Every structure is written in C-alpha cells, then in structure tokens.
Protein backbone atom coordinates (compact mmCIF):
# COMPACT_ATOMS: atom_id res chain seq x y z
CA MET A 1 10.85 -4.21 -3.85
CA GLY A 2 7.32 -3.04 -4.57
CA THR A 3 7.37 -0.56 -1.72
CA LEU A 4 10.73 0.85 -2.83
CA PHE A 5 9.39 1.17 -6.37
CA ALA A 6 6.30 2.94 -5.01
CA TRP A 7 8.48 5.42 -3.12
CA ALA A 8 10.65 6.18 -6.15
CA SER A 9 7.78 6.37 -8.62
CA PHE A 10 5.70 8.57 -6.31
CA ALA A 11 8.31 11.29 -6.62
CA VAL A 12 7.93 11.12 -10.41
CA LEU A 13 4.12 10.83 -10.57
CA ARG A 14 3.04 13.22 -7.83
CA PRO A 15 3.99 16.55 -9.46
CA TRP A 16 1.76 15.77 -12.45
CA MET A 17 -1.50 15.43 -10.48
CA SER A 18 -3.58 17.40 -8.01
CA ASP A 19 -4.64 15.68 -4.77
CA PHE A 20 -8.02 14.84 -6.30
CA GLU A 21 -6.47 13.50 -9.51
CA PHE A 22 -4.02 11.38 -7.54
CA LEU A 23 -6.81 9.96 -5.37
CA LEU A 24 -8.78 9.13 -8.51
CA PHE A 25 -5.66 7.52 -9.98
CA LEU A 26 -5.29 5.43 -6.80
CA LEU A 27 -8.92 4.35 -6.93
CA VAL A 28 -8.54 3.21 -10.54
CA ALA A 29 -5.22 1.50 -9.73
CA PHE A 30 -6.78 -0.33 -6.77
CA VAL A 31 -10.00 -1.39 -8.48
CA GLY A 32 -8.18 -2.35 -11.66
CA GLY A 33 -5.53 -4.15 -9.65
CA VAL A 34 -7.99 -6.52 -7.99
CA PRO A 35 -8.75 -8.65 -11.09
CA LEU A 36 -5.22 -8.29 -12.47
CA VAL A 37 -3.59 -9.43 -9.23
CA HIS A 38 -6.09 -12.29 -8.98
CA ARG A 39 -5.48 -13.49 -12.51
CA THR A 40 -1.71 -13.26 -12.11
CA GLY A 41 -1.88 -15.21 -8.84
CA VAL A 42 -4.02 -17.91 -10.45
CA GLU A 43 -1.63 -18.20 -13.39
CA LEU A 44 1.37 -18.41 -11.04
CA GLY A 45 -0.41 -21.01 -8.91
CA VAL A 46 -0.27 -18.91 -5.72
CA ILE A 47 -2.84 -16.17 -5.18
CA ASP A 48 -0.48 -13.95 -3.16
CA HIS A 49 2.74 -14.81 -4.99
CA GLY A 50 5.80 -12.89 -3.81
CA SER A 51 6.51 -11.56 -7.29
CA ILE A 52 3.18 -9.71 -7.31
CA VAL A 53 3.92 -6.24 -5.92
CA TRP A 54 1.02 -4.11 -7.17
CA ASP A 55 -0.69 -4.81 -3.84
CA GLU A 56 2.19 -2.99 -2.09
CA ILE A 57 2.60 -0.18 -4.59
CA VAL A 58 -0.92 1.26 -4.61
CA PRO A 59 -1.47 1.38 -0.81
CA PHE A 60 2.00 2.84 -0.25
CA TRP A 61 1.29 5.56 -2.80
CA LEU A 62 -1.74 6.43 -0.63
CA VAL A 63 0.49 6.55 2.46
CA LEU A 64 2.94 8.86 0.70
CA LEU A 65 0.13 11.12 -0.50
CA LEU A 66 -1.06 11.62 3.08
CA CYS A 67 2.40 11.64 4.66
CA PRO A 68 4.46 14.78 5.29
CA GLU A 69 6.81 15.37 2.35
CA HIS A 70 10.04 15.30 4.34
CA TRP A 71 12.26 12.28 3.58
CA LEU A 72 12.44 11.29 7.26
CA TRP A 73 8.66 11.02 7.48
CA GLN A 74 8.62 9.02 4.26
CA ALA A 75 11.39 6.71 5.49
CA THR A 76 9.44 6.19 8.72
CA ALA A 77 6.32 5.46 6.66
CA PHE A 78 8.32 2.96 4.59
CA ALA A 79 9.55 1.11 7.69
CA LEU A 80 6.11 1.10 9.31
CA PHE A 81 4.36 -0.07 6.16
CA ARG A 82 6.83 -2.94 5.64
CA CYS A 83 6.45 -3.93 9.30
CA PHE A 84 2.66 -3.95 9.17
CA ASP A 85 2.68 -5.75 5.82
CA ILE A 86 4.88 -8.51 7.27
CA VAL A 87 3.23 -8.81 10.70
CA LYS A 88 -0.31 -8.49 9.30
CA PRO A 89 -2.16 -7.23 12.39
CA GLU A 90 -5.90 -7.84 12.46
CA PRO A 91 -7.93 -7.49 10.33
CA ALA A 92 -5.13 -7.88 7.74
CA ARG A 93 -4.32 -11.41 8.92
CA GLN A 94 -7.95 -12.47 8.72
CA ILE A 95 -8.29 -10.95 5.24
CA ASP A 96 -5.08 -12.71 4.16
CA GLU A 97 -6.29 -16.08 5.53
CA LYS A 98 -9.95 -15.95 4.49
CA LEU A 99 -10.14 -13.92 1.28
CA LYS A 100 -8.05 -15.91 -1.20
CA ASN A 101 -8.53 -13.73 -4.26
CA GLY A 102 -7.32 -10.47 -5.75
CA LEU A 103 -9.45 -8.40 -3.38
CA GLY A 104 -7.89 -10.12 -0.37
CA VAL A 105 -4.39 -9.63 -1.73
CA MET A 106 -5.01 -5.92 -2.28
CA CYS A 107 -6.93 -5.33 0.97
CA ASP A 108 -4.42 -6.78 3.42
CA ASP A 109 -1.90 -4.19 2.21
CA LEU A 110 -4.55 -1.50 2.43
CA VAL A 111 -4.91 -2.40 6.12
CA ALA A 112 -1.11 -2.08 6.49
CA ALA A 113 -1.41 1.38 4.94
CA ALA A 114 -4.17 2.33 7.39
CA TYR A 115 -2.05 1.24 10.37
CA THR A 116 0.91 3.15 8.96
CA LEU A 117 -1.14 6.32 8.60
CA LEU A 118 -2.51 5.90 12.12
CA VAL A 119 0.97 5.65 13.63
CA LEU A 120 2.20 8.61 11.55
CA ALA A 121 -0.77 10.68 12.76
CA LEU A 122 0.00 9.74 16.36
CA LEU A 123 3.66 10.69 15.88
CA ARG A 124 2.63 14.07 14.49
CA PHE A 125 0.17 14.56 17.36
CA VAL A 126 2.82 13.94 20.00
CA GLY A 127 5.19 16.26 18.18
CA ALA A 128 7.74 13.88 16.74
C-alpha cells in the first residue's frame, strides 16, 4: 500500500517543487524517517513491521522523480520496485538481516529503488 500511496501522492506533490527542492524534500524525508521508523518499529515490537510504509514511500518517490513521466514507465517502475522489495537482492538482504534499526529498514528499500532505476535505465538504453 505504501508504494501505491507514493505513486498517487507523487502526482500531487511533484508540481509544487523543482527537481532540487524535491531532492531536498526526499533527503529530509529519508533522514527524518530513520528515527521515526525505528521508534515505531520498537513500539510495535517488530523493527520492520508490515504496517510501516514510510520506508517504501520515500525511495519510490525517488524512483518516480528519475523515471520517465509516462504512466507505462511508472507502472513498470512500480512492478520492479515491488519485486526488488520482496526479493531483496544483495545487498538489500544483508542490510535487512544485519541492520535491525530504522536505518536498515529505510536502506533495504533504497537498494530496491537503486535496482529499479538500474533496470529502467537499461530498458531505456535498449530502446524499450
């Protein structure tokens, strides 16, 4: 649900900020999210509790910022991000297993975003 919310809210937020302002917003959202996600996880008794979605929202906003604006590219980005978030390819899996705090929760989704952007770049390169 977090990724869907990110996609919908991106369309609302993006027109109000330049690229630089949005990147700054993402930096603040990520850095501020680390202690908030950690505290919420501690209070829920599970550091990476399924109801915590901020860790999906912020990295997917980054993906959408760097993704072509067409809905098909964004839908592809959505599917790729969800896949990488679920599968957790290295180093996301190692981060998820070893770093049991807010930083780990946020960073494994950041890795999923990086993989998503890499695949999107490759698709653009080959002319998809």
